[in-house]
N, C-alpha and C. Protein backbone atom coordinates (compact mmCIF):
# COMPACT_ATOMS: atom_id res chain seq x y z
N MET A 1 119.46 81.44 202.77
CA MET A 1 120.41 80.36 202.60
C MET A 1 121.04 80.37 201.32
N PRO A 2 122.27 80.49 201.17
CA PRO A 2 122.90 80.38 199.74
C PRO A 2 122.58 79.00 199.19
N THR A 3 122.62 79.19 197.62
CA THR A 3 122.20 78.06 196.93
C THR A 3 122.97 76.80 197.29
N SER A 4 124.37 76.95 197.50
CA SER A 4 125.23 75.67 197.68
C SER A 4 124.81 75.13 199.02
N SER A 5 124.40 75.94 200.02
CA SER A 5 124.08 75.30 201.33
C SER A 5 122.77 74.73 201.05
N ALA A 6 121.92 75.04 200.32
CA ALA A 6 120.69 74.37 200.13
C ALA A 6 120.85 73.11 199.48
N CYS A 7 121.71 73.09 198.49
CA CYS A 7 121.99 71.78 197.84
C CYS A 7 122.51 70.90 198.82
N ALA A 8 123.51 71.36 199.46
CA ALA A 8 124.14 70.41 200.51
C ALA A 8 123.15 69.80 201.45
N ALA A 9 122.36 70.74 201.95
CA ALA A 9 121.35 70.34 202.85
C ALA A 9 120.39 69.25 202.32
N ALA A 10 119.95 69.52 201.16
CA ALA A 10 118.97 68.70 200.50
C ALA A 10 119.72 67.21 200.16
N PHE A 11 120.91 67.20 200.01
CA PHE A 11 121.58 65.97 199.68
C PHE A 11 121.87 65.15 201.11
N PHE A 12 122.37 65.79 202.14
CA PHE A 12 122.89 65.14 203.10
C PHE A 12 122.08 65.16 204.52
N LEU A 13 121.13 65.90 204.70
CA LEU A 13 120.26 65.98 205.90
C LEU A 13 119.36 64.97 205.82
N PRO A 14 118.90 64.25 206.76
CA PRO A 14 117.82 63.30 206.82
C PRO A 14 116.55 64.09 206.41
N SER A 15 115.54 63.41 205.88
CA SER A 15 114.32 64.06 205.28
C SER A 15 113.67 64.80 206.29
N ALA A 16 113.54 64.52 207.62
CA ALA A 16 112.83 65.23 208.55
C ALA A 16 113.47 66.60 208.82
N TYR A 17 114.71 66.85 208.51
CA TYR A 17 115.21 68.21 208.72
C TYR A 17 115.29 68.98 207.37
N ARG A 18 115.05 68.44 206.33
CA ARG A 18 114.99 69.16 205.04
C ARG A 18 113.80 70.07 204.96
N SER A 19 114.08 71.22 204.26
CA SER A 19 113.00 72.13 203.93
C SER A 19 112.34 71.39 202.58
N PRO A 20 111.02 71.44 202.70
CA PRO A 20 110.23 70.77 201.45
C PRO A 20 110.67 71.49 200.09
N ASP A 21 111.01 72.82 200.11
CA ASP A 21 111.25 73.34 198.81
C ASP A 21 112.90 73.64 198.65
N ALA A 22 113.69 72.75 199.42
CA ALA A 22 115.19 73.08 199.25
C ALA A 22 115.76 72.53 197.97
N PHE A 23 115.03 71.70 197.29
CA PHE A 23 115.46 71.19 195.90
C PHE A 23 114.29 70.99 194.91
N PRO A 24 114.48 71.08 193.71
CA PRO A 24 113.47 70.88 192.78
C PRO A 24 112.81 69.48 192.89
N LYS A 25 111.65 69.24 192.45
CA LYS A 25 111.09 67.95 192.62
C LYS A 25 111.78 66.78 191.90
N GLU A 26 112.56 66.96 190.85
CA GLU A 26 113.24 66.01 190.08
C GLU A 26 114.32 65.40 191.12
N THR A 27 114.86 66.19 191.97
CA THR A 27 115.88 65.74 192.90
C THR A 27 115.28 65.03 194.21
N LYS A 28 114.17 65.39 194.49
CA LYS A 28 113.52 64.86 195.72
C LYS A 28 113.17 63.28 195.50
N ASP A 29 112.99 63.07 194.15
CA ASP A 29 112.84 61.56 193.78
C ASP A 29 114.10 60.83 193.83
N MET A 30 115.22 61.37 193.98
CA MET A 30 116.37 60.63 193.84
C MET A 30 116.70 59.71 195.07
N THR A 31 117.19 58.42 194.75
CA THR A 31 117.42 57.54 195.69
C THR A 31 118.78 57.94 196.43
N PRO A 32 118.95 57.32 197.64
CA PRO A 32 120.29 57.56 198.35
C PRO A 32 121.38 57.32 197.55
N LEU A 33 121.39 56.21 196.78
CA LEU A 33 122.43 55.76 195.93
C LEU A 33 122.73 56.80 194.86
N THR A 34 121.69 57.30 194.15
CA THR A 34 121.94 58.33 193.33
C THR A 34 122.52 59.55 193.77
N ARG A 35 121.91 60.04 195.03
CA ARG A 35 122.55 61.18 195.60
C ARG A 35 123.99 61.02 196.07
N PHE A 36 124.31 59.81 196.41
CA PHE A 36 125.77 59.53 196.86
C PHE A 36 126.61 59.55 195.63
N LEU A 37 126.18 59.06 194.51
CA LEU A 37 126.99 58.96 193.28
C LEU A 37 127.15 60.49 192.64
N VAL A 38 126.08 61.18 192.73
CA VAL A 38 126.08 62.65 192.22
C VAL A 38 127.21 63.34 193.03
N ALA A 39 126.98 63.29 194.40
CA ALA A 39 127.92 63.92 195.39
C ALA A 39 129.30 63.54 195.23
N SER A 40 129.64 62.29 195.24
CA SER A 40 130.99 61.76 195.11
C SER A 40 131.48 62.12 193.88
N GLY A 41 130.80 62.00 192.71
CA GLY A 41 131.19 62.27 191.43
C GLY A 41 131.70 63.71 191.31
N LEU A 42 130.82 64.72 191.76
CA LEU A 42 130.98 66.19 191.71
C LEU A 42 132.43 66.50 192.57
N ILE A 43 132.59 65.81 193.78
CA ILE A 43 133.51 66.08 194.48
C ILE A 43 134.86 65.61 193.99
N ILE A 44 134.84 64.37 193.31
CA ILE A 44 136.06 63.79 192.69
C ILE A 44 136.46 64.66 191.57
N VAL A 45 135.42 65.05 190.70
CA VAL A 45 135.82 65.95 189.56
C VAL A 45 136.38 67.27 189.98
N ALA A 46 135.84 67.76 190.91
CA ALA A 46 136.34 69.07 191.39
C ALA A 46 137.64 68.96 191.92
N LEU A 47 137.92 67.90 192.80
CA LEU A 47 139.30 67.68 193.27
C LEU A 47 140.33 67.45 192.29
N SER A 48 139.87 66.70 191.27
CA SER A 48 140.68 66.26 190.23
C SER A 48 141.20 67.58 189.37
N ILE A 49 140.20 68.44 189.16
CA ILE A 49 140.53 69.66 188.41
C ILE A 49 141.58 70.45 189.24
N GLY A 50 141.37 70.66 190.70
CA GLY A 50 142.16 71.34 191.55
C GLY A 50 143.52 70.68 191.47
N TRP A 51 143.52 69.37 191.70
CA TRP A 51 144.88 68.64 191.59
C TRP A 51 145.59 68.95 190.31
N TRP A 52 144.85 68.80 189.10
CA TRP A 52 145.62 69.02 187.98
C TRP A 52 146.17 70.52 187.90
N TRP A 53 145.43 71.35 188.34
CA TRP A 53 145.72 72.81 188.28
C TRP A 53 147.03 73.04 189.13
N ILE A 54 147.07 72.49 190.43
CA ILE A 54 148.13 72.62 191.27
C ILE A 54 149.46 72.00 190.58
N THR A 55 149.23 70.94 189.91
CA THR A 55 150.44 70.17 189.32
C THR A 55 150.81 70.96 188.13
N TYR A 56 149.95 71.47 187.23
CA TYR A 56 150.37 72.12 185.96
C TYR A 56 150.36 73.58 185.91
N GLN A 57 150.08 74.30 187.02
CA GLN A 57 150.21 75.84 186.89
C GLN A 57 151.56 76.26 186.70
N GLU A 58 152.58 75.49 187.38
CA GLU A 58 153.96 75.92 187.07
C GLU A 58 154.44 75.68 185.60
N VAL A 59 153.97 74.56 185.06
CA VAL A 59 154.34 74.17 183.76
C VAL A 59 153.68 75.19 182.75
N ILE A 60 152.58 75.67 182.98
CA ILE A 60 151.75 76.57 182.15
C ILE A 60 152.43 78.04 182.35
N GLY A 61 152.78 78.28 183.60
CA GLY A 61 153.38 79.62 184.01
C GLY A 61 154.74 79.82 183.32
N TYR A 62 155.60 78.70 183.16
CA TYR A 62 156.89 78.86 182.62
C TYR A 62 156.88 78.64 181.10
N ASN A 63 155.67 78.53 180.56
CA ASN A 63 155.42 78.19 179.16
C ASN A 63 156.15 76.98 178.51
N TYR A 64 156.20 75.92 179.42
CA TYR A 64 156.64 74.60 178.99
C TYR A 64 155.51 74.10 178.17
N LEU A 65 154.26 74.21 178.54
CA LEU A 65 153.11 73.85 177.84
C LEU A 65 151.97 75.05 177.85
N SER A 66 151.30 75.01 176.79
CA SER A 66 150.22 75.95 176.68
C SER A 66 149.00 75.32 177.42
N LEU A 67 148.13 76.31 177.81
CA LEU A 67 146.91 75.79 178.59
C LEU A 67 146.07 74.74 177.79
N PRO A 68 145.95 74.81 176.48
CA PRO A 68 145.19 73.74 175.78
C PRO A 68 146.00 72.43 175.86
N SER A 69 147.30 72.53 175.70
CA SER A 69 148.07 71.38 175.72
C SER A 69 148.16 70.66 177.17
N ALA A 70 148.26 71.60 178.24
CA ALA A 70 148.13 71.00 179.50
C ALA A 70 146.63 70.46 179.92
N GLY A 71 145.72 71.14 179.23
CA GLY A 71 144.41 70.73 179.44
C GLY A 71 144.26 69.21 179.02
N LEU A 72 144.92 68.67 177.97
CA LEU A 72 144.83 67.42 177.51
C LEU A 72 145.37 66.44 178.74
N CYS A 73 146.26 66.93 179.54
CA CYS A 73 146.75 66.09 180.71
C CYS A 73 145.79 65.95 181.68
N LEU A 74 144.72 66.66 181.62
CA LEU A 74 143.56 66.52 182.69
C LEU A 74 142.90 65.18 182.47
N VAL A 75 142.80 64.78 181.15
CA VAL A 75 142.12 63.51 180.78
C VAL A 75 143.03 62.48 180.34
N SER A 76 144.25 62.62 180.11
CA SER A 76 145.12 61.64 179.55
C SER A 76 146.50 61.79 180.16
N ASN A 77 147.36 60.79 180.05
CA ASN A 77 148.65 60.76 180.51
C ASN A 77 149.64 60.46 179.41
N THR A 78 149.99 61.54 178.53
CA THR A 78 150.80 61.32 177.48
C THR A 78 152.34 61.45 177.89
N ASP A 79 153.15 61.20 176.92
CA ASP A 79 154.52 61.46 177.21
C ASP A 79 154.89 62.96 177.55
N ILE A 80 154.15 63.76 176.71
CA ILE A 80 154.35 65.18 176.93
C ILE A 80 153.93 65.68 178.32
N CYS A 81 152.92 65.10 178.97
CA CYS A 81 152.40 65.39 180.28
C CYS A 81 153.58 64.87 181.35
N GLN A 82 153.90 63.68 180.98
CA GLN A 82 155.08 63.18 182.01
C GLN A 82 156.32 64.07 181.86
N LEU A 83 156.68 64.41 180.76
CA LEU A 83 157.85 65.31 180.57
C LEU A 83 157.67 66.64 181.30
N ALA A 84 156.47 67.28 181.04
CA ALA A 84 156.14 68.50 181.73
C ALA A 84 156.19 68.43 183.20
N ARG A 85 155.62 67.39 183.80
CA ARG A 85 155.60 67.14 185.18
C ARG A 85 157.00 67.02 185.73
N SER A 86 157.87 66.24 185.04
CA SER A 86 159.24 65.94 185.42
C SER A 86 159.96 67.25 185.54
N LEU A 87 159.72 68.16 184.53
CA LEU A 87 160.45 69.52 184.52
C LEU A 87 160.27 70.35 185.75
N CYS A 88 159.14 70.12 186.34
CA CYS A 88 158.70 71.00 187.58
C CYS A 88 158.71 70.24 188.83
N ARG A 89 158.92 69.00 188.88
CA ARG A 89 158.82 68.17 190.14
C ARG A 89 159.82 68.56 191.19
N SER A 90 161.07 68.87 190.81
CA SER A 90 162.01 69.10 191.98
C SER A 90 161.75 70.55 192.46
N ALA A 91 161.16 71.49 191.53
CA ALA A 91 161.07 72.93 192.12
C ALA A 91 159.64 73.25 192.53
N HIS A 92 158.78 72.16 192.60
CA HIS A 92 157.32 72.51 192.92
C HIS A 92 157.22 72.87 194.37
N PRO A 93 156.77 74.09 194.64
CA PRO A 93 156.64 74.54 196.00
C PRO A 93 155.88 73.74 197.06
N LEU A 94 154.86 72.92 196.53
CA LEU A 94 153.96 72.16 197.42
C LEU A 94 154.54 70.58 197.54
N ALA A 95 155.48 70.34 196.80
CA ALA A 95 155.96 68.98 196.78
C ALA A 95 154.83 67.99 196.75
N ILE A 96 154.02 68.07 195.79
CA ILE A 96 152.83 67.17 195.61
C ILE A 96 153.05 66.13 194.81
N ILE A 97 152.21 65.16 194.96
CA ILE A 97 152.21 63.88 194.23
C ILE A 97 151.69 64.23 192.89
N ASP A 98 152.35 63.60 191.82
CA ASP A 98 151.96 63.84 190.41
C ASP A 98 150.42 63.64 190.09
N TYR A 99 149.70 64.31 189.33
CA TYR A 99 148.44 64.22 188.98
C TYR A 99 148.20 62.77 188.29
N TRP A 100 147.25 62.25 188.71
CA TRP A 100 146.79 60.93 188.02
C TRP A 100 145.57 61.19 187.32
N SER A 101 145.57 61.15 185.99
CA SER A 101 144.49 61.51 185.00
C SER A 101 143.33 60.61 185.22
N ALA A 102 143.39 59.38 185.70
CA ALA A 102 142.30 58.43 185.89
C ALA A 102 141.26 58.97 187.02
N SER A 103 141.85 59.89 187.85
CA SER A 103 140.91 60.40 188.87
C SER A 103 139.69 61.13 188.25
N ILE A 104 139.88 61.77 187.11
CA ILE A 104 138.77 62.70 186.60
C ILE A 104 137.80 61.72 185.99
N TRP A 105 138.25 60.54 185.44
CA TRP A 105 137.54 59.58 184.81
C TRP A 105 136.54 58.88 185.78
N ILE A 106 137.15 58.57 186.96
CA ILE A 106 136.46 57.99 188.21
C ILE A 106 135.25 58.85 188.47
N GLY A 107 135.50 60.23 188.64
CA GLY A 107 134.48 60.97 188.99
C GLY A 107 133.39 61.15 187.89
N THR A 108 133.84 61.19 186.71
CA THR A 108 132.95 61.17 185.51
C THR A 108 132.12 59.82 185.49
N ALA A 109 132.78 58.71 185.79
CA ALA A 109 132.00 57.44 185.89
C ALA A 109 130.91 57.41 187.05
N ALA A 110 131.23 58.08 188.08
CA ALA A 110 130.35 58.15 189.20
C ALA A 110 129.06 59.00 188.68
N LEU A 111 129.29 60.08 188.07
CA LEU A 111 128.25 61.03 187.51
C LEU A 111 127.37 60.27 186.64
N CYS A 112 127.97 59.49 185.55
CA CYS A 112 127.30 58.75 184.77
C CYS A 112 126.46 57.64 185.37
N ALA A 113 126.92 56.94 186.39
CA ALA A 113 126.23 55.97 187.13
C ALA A 113 125.09 56.56 187.88
N SER A 114 125.17 57.80 188.39
CA SER A 114 124.06 58.55 189.01
C SER A 114 122.94 58.75 187.98
N MET A 115 123.47 59.09 186.68
CA MET A 115 122.34 59.27 185.70
C MET A 115 121.57 57.99 185.41
N VAL A 116 122.31 56.90 185.41
CA VAL A 116 121.76 55.66 185.04
C VAL A 116 120.81 55.23 186.13
N THR A 117 121.27 55.35 187.37
CA THR A 117 120.38 54.86 188.54
C THR A 117 119.16 55.82 188.47
N ALA A 118 119.33 57.11 188.26
CA ALA A 118 118.02 58.00 188.21
C ALA A 118 117.16 57.66 187.23
N THR A 119 117.61 57.40 186.06
CA THR A 119 116.89 57.07 184.79
C THR A 119 116.16 55.72 185.06
N ALA A 120 116.89 54.76 185.75
CA ALA A 120 116.30 53.46 185.98
C ALA A 120 115.13 53.66 186.88
N LYS A 121 115.28 54.39 187.88
CA LYS A 121 114.15 54.58 188.83
C LYS A 121 112.99 55.21 188.17
N LYS A 122 113.31 56.11 187.29
CA LYS A 122 112.11 56.79 186.57
C LYS A 122 111.38 55.74 185.68
N GLY A 123 112.18 54.98 185.20
CA GLY A 123 111.65 53.90 184.19
C GLY A 123 110.85 52.91 184.95
N LEU A 124 111.23 52.59 186.24
CA LEU A 124 110.46 51.67 186.98
C LEU A 124 109.20 52.29 187.44
N ILE A 125 109.24 53.55 187.79
CA ILE A 125 108.05 54.24 188.23
C ILE A 125 107.02 54.31 187.07
N ARG A 126 107.40 54.66 185.89
CA ARG A 126 106.66 54.65 184.70
C ARG A 126 105.91 53.31 184.43
N GLU A 127 106.74 52.15 184.69
CA GLU A 127 106.27 50.94 184.42
C GLU A 127 105.12 50.72 185.39
N ASP A 128 105.38 50.80 186.69
CA ASP A 128 104.42 50.64 187.72
C ASP A 128 103.13 51.28 187.50
N VAL A 129 103.16 52.57 186.98
CA VAL A 129 101.95 53.29 186.66
C VAL A 129 101.28 52.72 185.43
N SER A 130 102.01 52.31 184.52
CA SER A 130 101.45 51.91 183.20
C SER A 130 100.81 50.49 183.36
N GLN A 131 101.13 49.68 184.44
CA GLN A 131 100.67 48.35 184.67
C GLN A 131 99.30 48.41 185.57
N HIS A 132 99.07 49.53 186.12
CA HIS A 132 97.79 49.87 186.78
C HIS A 132 96.89 50.81 186.18
N PRO A 133 96.10 50.29 185.15
CA PRO A 133 95.24 51.33 184.28
C PRO A 133 94.34 51.94 185.21
N THR A 134 93.77 51.27 186.28
CA THR A 134 92.77 51.99 187.11
C THR A 134 93.30 53.32 187.78
N MET A 135 94.51 53.44 188.04
CA MET A 135 95.07 54.53 188.72
C MET A 135 95.09 55.82 187.74
N SER A 136 95.18 55.47 186.40
CA SER A 136 95.13 56.56 185.49
C SER A 136 93.62 56.94 185.06
N GLU A 137 92.79 55.97 185.19
CA GLU A 137 91.29 56.18 184.83
C GLU A 137 90.61 57.20 185.84
N GLY A 138 91.04 57.11 187.12
CA GLY A 138 90.62 57.98 188.29
C GLY A 138 89.16 58.09 188.33
């Protein structure tokens, strides 16, 4: 099974159908909320990059903006970005909606929230173990 399929299976399949070795131990301990935030964050970031590329590939191709300058439009909405989009809007072959730079920040926020929830869970587990000294004395 390819790695991406194993990752998808580990995230989305109920635990009864998952292979025990489908994911490293660190991810087996993730809560459903953490898994949801990781998956949605990655999907939103990937779609945002694709949406940005579809919007700005013509601008870059016609040398209206360099790749680094257009790259700034991935995370911000400056006047230069608006001007570049307006230059190609009427001629864009896909007639797409303008790229919205906040979309990548939403995906990034979901990924950050997943790290917070994962860290919070690990912190709670450590607290529980430290409160029970008989468990560590064995």
